[in-house]
PDB file of N, CA and C in Angstrom:
ATOM      1  N   UNK A   1     212.851 -61.586 -17.024  1.00  0.00           N
ATOM      2  CA  UNK A   1     211.810 -61.491 -16.028  1.00  0.00           C
ATOM      3  C   UNK A   1     210.563 -60.899 -16.679  1.00  0.00           C
ATOM      4  N   UNK A   2     209.442 -61.582 -16.520  1.00  0.00           N
ATOM      5  CA  UNK A   2     208.218 -61.049 -17.110  1.00  0.00           C
ATOM      6  C   UNK A   2     207.566 -60.051 -16.152  1.00  0.00           C
ATOM      7  N   UNK A   3     206.590 -59.338 -16.653  1.00  0.00           N
ATOM      8  CA  UNK A   3     205.955 -58.268 -15.884  1.00  0.00           C
ATOM      9  C   UNK A   3     205.253 -58.803 -14.636  1.00  0.00           C
ATOM     10  N   UNK A   4     204.608 -59.958 -14.720  1.00  0.00           N
ATOM     11  CA  UNK A   4     203.912 -60.511 -13.556  1.00  0.00           C
ATOM     12  C   UNK A   4     204.890 -60.859 -12.444  1.00  0.00           C
ATOM     13  N   UNK A   5     206.022 -61.446 -12.817  1.00  0.00           N
ATOM     14  CA  UNK A   5     207.027 -61.807 -11.833  1.00  0.00           C
ATOM     15  C   UNK A   5     207.616 -60.548 -11.195  1.00  0.00           C
ATOM     16  N   UNK A   6     207.903 -59.553 -12.005  1.00  0.00           N
ATOM     17  CA  UNK A   6     208.436 -58.288 -11.507  1.00  0.00           C
ATOM     18  C   UNK A   6     207.456 -57.632 -10.540  1.00  0.00           C
ATOM     19  N   UNK A   7     206.178 -57.623 -10.892  1.00  0.00           N
ATOM     20  CA  UNK A   7     205.162 -57.027 -10.038  1.00  0.00           C
ATOM     21  C   UNK A   7     205.053 -57.774  -8.710  1.00  0.00           C
ATOM     22  N   UNK A   8     205.077 -59.089  -8.754  1.00  0.00           N
ATOM     23  CA  UNK A   8     205.018 -59.887  -7.526  1.00  0.00           C
ATOM     24  C   UNK A   8     206.237 -59.609  -6.647  1.00  0.00           C
ATOM     25  N   UNK A   9     207.420 -59.527  -7.248  1.00  0.00           N
ATOM     26  CA  UNK A   9     208.632 -59.219  -6.481  1.00  0.00           C
ATOM     27  C   UNK A   9     208.552 -57.831  -5.861  1.00  0.00           C
ATOM     28  N   UNK A  10     208.035 -56.874  -6.612  1.00  0.00           N
ATOM     29  CA  UNK A  10     207.909 -55.508  -6.106  1.00  0.00           C
ATOM     30  C   UNK A  10     206.948 -55.463  -4.930  1.00  0.00           C
ATOM     31  N   UNK A  11     205.810 -56.126  -5.057  1.00  0.00           N
ATOM     32  CA  UNK A  11     204.846 -56.159  -3.956  1.00  0.00           C
ATOM     33  C   UNK A  11     205.444 -56.813  -2.717  1.00  0.00           C
ATOM     34  N   UNK A  12     206.145 -57.908  -2.900  1.00  0.00           N
ATOM     35  CA  UNK A  12     206.780 -58.593  -1.773  1.00  0.00           C
ATOM     36  C   UNK A  12     207.793 -57.677  -1.093  1.00  0.00           C
ATOM     37  N   UNK A  13     208.565 -56.950  -1.886  1.00  0.00           N
ATOM     38  CA  UNK A  13     209.550 -56.027  -1.327  1.00  0.00           C
ATOM     39  C   UNK A  13     208.881 -54.935  -0.503  1.00  0.00           C
ATOM     40  N   UNK A  14     207.838 -54.342  -1.053  1.00  0.00           N
ATOM     41  CA  UNK A  14     207.120 -53.291  -0.318  1.00  0.00           C
ATOM     42  C   UNK A  14     206.469 -53.852   0.935  1.00  0.00           C
ATOM     43  N   UNK A  15     205.839 -55.001   0.828  1.00  0.00           N
ATOM     44  CA  UNK A  15     205.179 -55.607   1.981  1.00  0.00           C
ATOM     45  C   UNK A  15     206.175 -55.935   3.087  1.00  0.00           C
ATOM     46  N   UNK A  16     207.397 -56.297   2.710  1.00  0.00           N
ATOM     47  CA  UNK A  16     208.424 -56.655   3.680  1.00  0.00           C
ATOM     48  C   UNK A  16     208.802 -55.467   4.565  1.00  0.00           C
ATOM     49  N   UNK A  17     208.833 -54.276   3.999  1.00  0.00           N
ATOM     50  CA  UNK A  17     209.275 -53.097   4.762  1.00  0.00           C
ATOM     51  C   UNK A  17     208.139 -52.178   5.199  1.00  0.00           C
ATOM     52  N   UNK A  18     206.913 -52.509   4.855  1.00  0.00           N
ATOM     53  CA  UNK A  18     205.794 -51.591   5.093  1.00  0.00           C
ATOM     54  C   UNK A  18     205.632 -51.207   6.562  1.00  0.00           C
ATOM     55  N   UNK A  19     205.652 -52.164   7.457  1.00  0.00           N
ATOM     56  CA  UNK A  19     205.419 -51.868   8.871  1.00  0.00           C
ATOM     57  C   UNK A  19     206.550 -51.006   9.438  1.00  0.00           C
ATOM     58  N   UNK A  20     207.797 -51.366   9.158  1.00  0.00           N
ATOM     59  CA  UNK A  20     208.907 -50.570   9.695  1.00  0.00           C
ATOM     60  C   UNK A  20     208.937 -49.174   9.075  1.00  0.00           C
ATOM     61  N   UNK A  21     208.568 -49.065   7.812  1.00  0.00           N
ATOM     62  CA  UNK A  21     208.501 -47.753   7.149  1.00  0.00           C
ATOM     63  C   UNK A  21     207.439 -46.881   7.804  1.00  0.00           C
ATOM     64  N   UNK A  22     206.265 -47.447   8.060  1.00  0.00           N
ATOM     65  CA  UNK A  22     205.197 -46.699   8.723  1.00  0.00           C
ATOM     66  C   UNK A  22     205.630 -46.290  10.126  1.00  0.00           C
ATOM     67  N   UNK A  23     206.317 -47.170  10.837  1.00  0.00           N
ATOM     68  CA  UNK A  23     206.812 -46.841  12.180  1.00  0.00           C
ATOM     69  C   UNK A  23     207.799 -45.682  12.137  1.00  0.00           C
ATOM     70  N   UNK A  24     208.662 -45.671  11.137  1.00  0.00           N
ATOM     71  CA  UNK A  24     209.650 -44.594  11.015  1.00  0.00           C
ATOM     72  C   UNK A  24     208.994 -43.251  10.713  1.00  0.00           C
ATOM     73  N   UNK A  25     207.894 -43.267   9.969  1.00  0.00           N
ATOM     74  CA  UNK A  25     207.244 -42.008   9.590  1.00  0.00           C
ATOM     75  C   UNK A  25     206.210 -41.531  10.597  1.00  0.00           C
ATOM     76  N   UNK A  26     205.794 -42.411  11.495  1.00  0.00           N
ATOM     77  CA  UNK A  26     204.800 -42.022  12.502  1.00  0.00           C
ATOM     78  C   UNK A  26     205.373 -40.881  13.333  1.00  0.00           C
ATOM     79  N   UNK A  27     204.663 -39.799  13.406  1.00  0.00           N
ATOM     80  CA  UNK A  27     205.098 -38.654  14.192  1.00  0.00           C
ATOM     81  C   UNK A  27     206.100 -37.747  13.505  1.00  0.00           C
ATOM     82  N   UNK A  28     206.437 -38.037  12.257  1.00  0.00           N
ATOM     83  CA  UNK A  28     207.440 -37.230  11.559  1.00  0.00           C
ATOM     84  C   UNK A  28     206.979 -35.774  11.407  1.00  0.00           C
ATOM     85  N   UNK A  29     205.692 -35.559  11.260  1.00  0.00           N
ATOM     86  CA  UNK A  29     205.206 -34.191  11.091  1.00  0.00           C
ATOM     87  C   UNK A  29     205.310 -33.382  12.377  1.00  0.00           C
ATOM     88  N   UNK A  30     205.301 -34.054  13.519  1.00  0.00           N
ATOM     89  CA  UNK A  30     205.432 -33.345  14.796  1.00  0.00           C
ATOM     90  C   UNK A  30     206.767 -32.614  14.880  1.00  0.00           C
ATOM     91  N   UNK A  31     207.796 -33.180  14.287  1.00  0.00           N
ATOM     92  CA  UNK A  31     209.119 -32.566  14.315  1.00  0.00           C
ATOM     93  C   UNK A  31     209.468 -31.790  13.070  1.00  0.00           C
ATOM     94  N   UNK A  32     208.492 -31.516  12.237  1.00  0.00           N
ATOM     95  CA  UNK A  32     208.758 -30.831  10.969  1.00  0.00           C
ATOM     96  C   UNK A  32     207.765 -29.689  10.757  1.00  0.00           C
ATOM     97  N   UNK A  33     207.974 -28.567  11.459  1.00  0.00           N
ATOM     98  CA  UNK A  33     207.021 -27.456  11.337  1.00  0.00           C
ATOM     99  C   UNK A  33     206.892 -26.927   9.909  1.00  0.00           C
ATOM    100  N   UNK A  34     207.955 -27.020   9.119  1.00  0.00           N
ATOM    101  CA  UNK A  34     207.890 -26.546   7.735  1.00  0.00           C
ATOM    102  C   UNK A  34     206.939 -27.409   6.901  1.00  0.00           C
ATOM    103  N   UNK A  35     206.888 -28.722   7.173  1.00  0.00           N
ATOM    104  CA  UNK A  35     205.954 -29.584   6.456  1.00  0.00           C
ATOM    105  C   UNK A  35     204.513 -29.308   6.885  1.00  0.00           C
ATOM    106  N   UNK A  36     204.306 -29.108   8.190  1.00  0.00           N
ATOM    107  CA  UNK A  36     202.960 -28.768   8.666  1.00  0.00           C
ATOM    108  C   UNK A  36     202.507 -27.441   8.067  1.00  0.00           C
ATOM    109  N   UNK A  37     203.433 -26.486   7.950  1.00  0.00           N
ATOM    110  CA  UNK A  37     203.097 -25.190   7.349  1.00  0.00           C
ATOM    111  C   UNK A  37     202.744 -25.360   5.875  1.00  0.00           C
ATOM    112  N   UNK A  38     203.467 -26.218   5.168  1.00  0.00           N
ATOM    113  CA  UNK A  38     203.162 -26.462   3.757  1.00  0.00           C
ATOM    114  C   UNK A  38     201.783 -27.100   3.610  1.00  0.00           C
ATOM    115  N   UNK A  39     201.447 -28.036   4.511  1.00  0.00           N
ATOM    116  CA  UNK A  39     200.115 -28.655   4.465  1.00  0.00           C
ATOM    117  C   UNK A  39     199.025 -27.640   4.788  1.00  0.00           C
ATOM    118  N   UNK A  40     199.287 -26.758   5.745  1.00  0.00           N
ATOM    119  CA  UNK A  40     198.315 -25.718   6.084  1.00  0.00           C
ATOM    120  C   UNK A  40     198.118 -24.768   4.902  1.00  0.00           C
ATOM    121  N   UNK A  41     199.210 -24.413   4.228  1.00  0.00           N
ATOM    122  CA  UNK A  41     199.112 -23.550   3.045  1.00  0.00           C
ATOM    123  C   UNK A  41     198.308 -24.240   1.951  1.00  0.00           C
ATOM    124  N   UNK A  42     198.581 -25.502   1.726  1.00  0.00           N
ATOM    125  CA  UNK A  42     197.825 -26.260   0.727  1.00  0.00           C
ATOM    126  C   UNK A  42     196.331 -26.243   1.060  1.00  0.00           C
ATOM    127  N   UNK A  43     195.988 -26.501   2.333  1.00  0.00           N
ATOM    128  CA  UNK A  43     194.580 -26.487   2.751  1.00  0.00           C
ATOM    129  C   UNK A  43     193.970 -25.109   2.538  1.00  0.00           C
ATOM    130  N   UNK A  44     194.732 -24.056   2.831  1.00  0.00           N
ATOM    131  CA  UNK A  44     194.241 -22.691   2.601  1.00  0.00           C
ATOM    132  C   UNK A  44     193.972 -22.445   1.123  1.00  0.00           C
ATOM    133  N   UNK A  45     194.861 -22.927   0.262  1.00  0.00           N
ATOM    134  CA  UNK A  45     194.672 -22.750  -1.180  1.00  0.00           C
ATOM    135  C   UNK A  45     193.448 -23.519  -1.675  1.00  0.00           C
ATOM    136  N   UNK A  46     193.238 -24.710  -1.142  1.00  0.00           N
ATOM    137  CA  UNK A  46     192.050 -25.485  -1.515  1.00  0.00           C
ATOM    138  C   UNK A  46     190.797 -24.733  -1.089  1.00  0.00           C
ATOM    139  N   UNK A  47     190.802 -24.232   0.147  1.00  0.00           N
ATOM    140  CA  UNK A  47     189.653 -23.457   0.636  1.00  0.00           C
ATOM    141  C   UNK A  47     189.408 -22.239  -0.245  1.00  0.00           C
ATOM    142  N   UNK A  48     190.476 -21.525  -0.581  1.00  0.00           N
ATOM    143  CA  UNK A  48     190.358 -20.312  -1.395  1.00  0.00           C
ATOM    144  C   UNK A  48     189.800 -20.611  -2.785  1.00  0.00           C
ATOM    145  N   UNK A  49     190.044 -21.827  -3.261  1.00  0.00           N
ATOM    146  CA  UNK A  49     189.544 -22.223  -4.578  1.00  0.00           C
ATOM    147  C   UNK A  49     188.133 -22.804  -4.503  1.00  0.00           C
ATOM    148  N   UNK A  50     187.531 -22.756  -3.335  1.00  0.00           N
ATOM    149  CA  UNK A  50     186.161 -23.234  -3.205  1.00  0.00           C
ATOM    150  C   UNK A  50     186.032 -24.569  -2.494  1.00  0.00           C
ATOM    151  N   UNK A  51     187.148 -25.113  -2.025  1.00  0.00           N
ATOM    152  CA  UNK A  51     187.099 -26.380  -1.303  1.00  0.00           C
ATOM    153  C   UNK A  51     186.956 -27.559  -2.243  1.00  0.00           C
ATOM    154  N   UNK A  52     186.784 -28.702  -1.655  1.00  0.00           N
ATOM    155  CA  UNK A  52     186.624 -29.906  -2.455  1.00  0.00           C
ATOM    156  C   UNK A  52     187.446 -31.041  -1.902  1.00  0.00           C
ATOM    157  N   UNK A  53     187.245 -32.219  -2.433  1.00  0.00           N
ATOM    158  CA  UNK A  53     187.986 -33.373  -1.926  1.00  0.00           C
ATOM    159  C   UNK A  53     189.452 -33.335  -2.353  1.00  0.00           C
ATOM    160  N   UNK A  54     190.284 -33.851  -1.492  1.00  0.00           N
ATOM    161  CA  UNK A  54     191.709 -33.978  -1.753  1.00  0.00           C
ATOM    162  C   UNK A  54     192.095 -35.407  -1.414  1.00  0.00           C
ATOM    163  N   UNK A  55     192.871 -36.037  -2.257  1.00  0.00           N
ATOM    164  CA  UNK A  55     193.258 -37.429  -2.021  1.00  0.00           C
ATOM    165  C   UNK A  55     194.764 -37.535  -1.805  1.00  0.00           C
ATOM    166  N   UNK A  56     195.140 -38.288  -0.783  1.00  0.00           N
ATOM    167  CA  UNK A  56     196.529 -38.670  -0.545  1.00  0.00           C
ATOM    168  C   UNK A  56     196.617 -40.100  -1.051  1.00  0.00           C
ATOM    169  N   UNK A  57     196.889 -40.249  -2.338  1.00  0.00           N
ATOM    170  CA  UNK A  57     196.749 -41.542  -2.996  1.00  0.00           C
ATOM    171  C   UNK A  57     198.083 -42.262  -3.097  1.00  0.00           C
ATOM    172  N   UNK A  58     198.193 -43.351  -2.321  1.00  0.00           N
ATOM    173  CA  UNK A  58     199.339 -44.250  -2.418  1.00  0.00           C
ATOM    174  C   UNK A  58     200.675 -43.524  -2.348  1.00  0.00           C
ATOM    175  N   UNK A  59     200.782 -42.582  -1.409  1.00  0.00           N
ATOM    176  CA  UNK A  59     202.006 -41.790  -1.268  1.00  0.00           C
ATOM    177  C   UNK A  59     202.723 -42.112   0.030  1.00  0.00           C
ATOM    178  N   UNK A  60     202.598 -43.317   0.520  1.00  0.00           N
ATOM    179  CA  UNK A  60     203.209 -43.691   1.785  1.00  0.00           C
ATOM    180  C   UNK A  60     202.170 -44.329   2.688  1.00  0.00           C
ATOM    181  N   UNK A  61     202.492 -44.408   3.978  1.00  0.00           N
ATOM    182  CA  UNK A  61     201.602 -45.111   4.898  1.00  0.00           C
ATOM    183  C   UNK A  61     200.423 -44.273   5.393  1.00  0.00           C
ATOM    184  N   UNK A  62     200.200 -43.113   4.837  1.00  0.00           N
ATOM    185  CA  UNK A  62     199.051 -42.299   5.232  1.00  0.00           C
ATOM    186  C   UNK A  62     199.367 -41.288   6.314  1.00  0.00           C
ATOM    187  N   UNK A  63     200.649 -41.015   6.557  1.00  0.00           N
ATOM    188  CA  UNK A  63     201.019 -40.082   7.618  1.00  0.00           C
ATOM    189  C   UNK A  63     200.572 -38.657   7.332  1.00  0.00           C
ATOM    190  N   UNK A  64     200.512 -38.281   6.069  1.00  0.00           N
ATOM    191  CA  UNK A  64     200.027 -36.940   5.736  1.00  0.00           C
ATOM    192  C   UNK A  64     198.520 -36.872   5.944  1.00  0.00           C
ATOM    193  N   UNK A  65     197.801 -37.874   5.471  1.00  0.00           N
ATOM    194  CA  UNK A  65     196.357 -37.912   5.673  1.00  0.00           C
ATOM    195  C   UNK A  65     196.030 -37.983   7.154  1.00  0.00           C
ATOM    196  N   UNK A  66     196.823 -38.731   7.901  1.00  0.00           N
ATOM    197  CA  UNK A  66     196.596 -38.855   9.338  1.00  0.00           C
ATOM    198  C   UNK A  66     196.757 -37.514  10.047  1.00  0.00           C
ATOM    199  N   UNK A  67     197.477 -36.593   9.433  1.00  0.00           N
ATOM    200  CA  UNK A  67     197.639 -35.258   9.991  1.00  0.00           C
ATOM    201  C   UNK A  67     196.291 -34.540  10.054  1.00  0.00           C
ATOM    202  N   UNK A  68     195.352 -35.064   9.296  1.00  0.00           N
ATOM    203  CA  UNK A  68     193.979 -34.559   9.286  1.00  0.00           C
ATOM    204  C   UNK A  68     193.900 -33.099   8.847  1.00  0.00           C
ATOM    205  N   UNK A  69     194.125 -32.923   7.585  1.00  0.00           N
ATOM    206  CA  UNK A  69     193.971 -31.584   7.024  1.00  0.00           C
ATOM    207  C   UNK A  69     192.566 -31.091   7.331  1.00  0.00           C
ATOM    208  N   UNK A  70     192.437 -29.826   7.675  1.00  0.00           N
ATOM    209  CA  UNK A  70     191.121 -29.312   8.068  1.00  0.00           C
ATOM    210  C   UNK A  70     190.151 -29.239   6.889  1.00  0.00           C
ATOM    211  N   UNK A  71     188.840 -29.326   7.156  1.00  0.00           N
ATOM    212  CA  UNK A  71     187.851 -29.157   6.082  1.00  0.00           C
ATOM    213  C   UNK A  71     188.050 -27.793   5.442  1.00  0.00           C
ATOM    214  N   UNK A  72     187.791 -27.581   4.195  1.00  0.00           N
ATOM    215  CA  UNK A  72     187.022 -28.481   3.335  1.00  0.00           C
ATOM    216  C   UNK A  72     187.867 -29.432   2.512  1.00  0.00           C
ATOM    217  N   UNK A  73     189.098 -29.711   2.924  1.00  0.00           N
ATOM    218  CA  UNK A  73     189.908 -30.626   2.133  1.00  0.00           C
ATOM    219  C   UNK A  73     189.392 -32.055   2.223  1.00  0.00           C
ATOM    220  N   UNK A  74     188.655 -32.387   3.267  1.00  0.00           N
ATOM    221  CA  UNK A  74     188.018 -33.695   3.443  1.00  0.00           C
ATOM    222  C   UNK A  74     188.966 -34.848   3.120  1.00  0.00           C
ATOM    223  N   UNK A  75     190.072 -34.913   3.832  1.00  0.00           N
ATOM    224  CA  UNK A  75     191.055 -35.975   3.606  1.00  0.00           C
ATOM    225  C   UNK A  75     190.427 -37.348   3.820  1.00  0.00           C
ATOM    226  N   UNK A  76     190.814 -38.282   2.988  1.00  0.00           N
ATOM    227  CA  UNK A  76     190.294 -39.654   3.056  1.00  0.00           C
ATOM    228  C   UNK A  76     191.464 -40.600   3.233  1.00  0.00           C
ATOM    229  N   UNK A  77     191.168 -41.780   3.762  1.00  0.00           N
ATOM    230  CA  UNK A  77     192.168 -42.834   3.897  1.00  0.00           C
ATOM    231  C   UNK A  77     191.737 -44.026   3.051  1.00  0.00           C
ATOM    232  N   UNK A  78     192.653 -44.954   2.882  1.00  0.00           N
ATOM    233  CA  UNK A  78     192.318 -46.210   2.234  1.00  0.00           C
ATOM    234  C   UNK A  78     192.188 -46.138   0.727  1.00  0.00           C
ATOM    235  N   UNK A  79     193.016 -45.344   0.081  1.00  0.00           N
ATOM    236  CA  UNK A  79     192.925 -45.205  -1.364  1.00  0.00           C
ATOM    237  C   UNK A  79     193.878 -46.141  -2.102  1.00  0.00           C
ATOM    238  N   UNK A  80     194.693 -46.901  -1.384  1.00  0.00           N
ATOM    239  CA  UNK A  80     195.662 -47.785  -2.043  1.00  0.00           C
ATOM    240  C   UNK A  80     194.911 -48.830  -2.867  1.00  0.00           C
ATOM    241  N   UNK A  81     195.496 -49.255  -3.971  1.00  0.00           N
ATOM    242  CA  UNK A  81     194.789 -50.160  -4.901  1.00  0.00           C
ATOM    243  C   UNK A  81     194.604 -51.583  -4.403  1.00  0.00           C
ATOM    244  N   UNK A  82     195.111 -51.946  -3.225  1.00  0.00           N
ATOM    245  CA  UNK A  82     194.938 -53.311  -2.751  1.00  0.00           C
ATOM    246  C   UNK A  82     193.911 -53.412  -1.732  1.00  0.00           C
TER     247      UNK A  82
END
């Protein structure tokens, strides 16, 4: 299998499950106070270091970014390479 074929197969596999994966993760932070606390701590550390942009780059369907970390983390969406 060459690299192009492997990459196409990988993309097809991810695209096949993307919607159901996003559906499964939607609202996951609502039931996970420890994860929300970790995100709040991260935002506090960013603020303490002077703030700045933070990227949630291709780490899932954007559920962490959708949590909307408070400024100055300035969370962005749409960083996936496609």
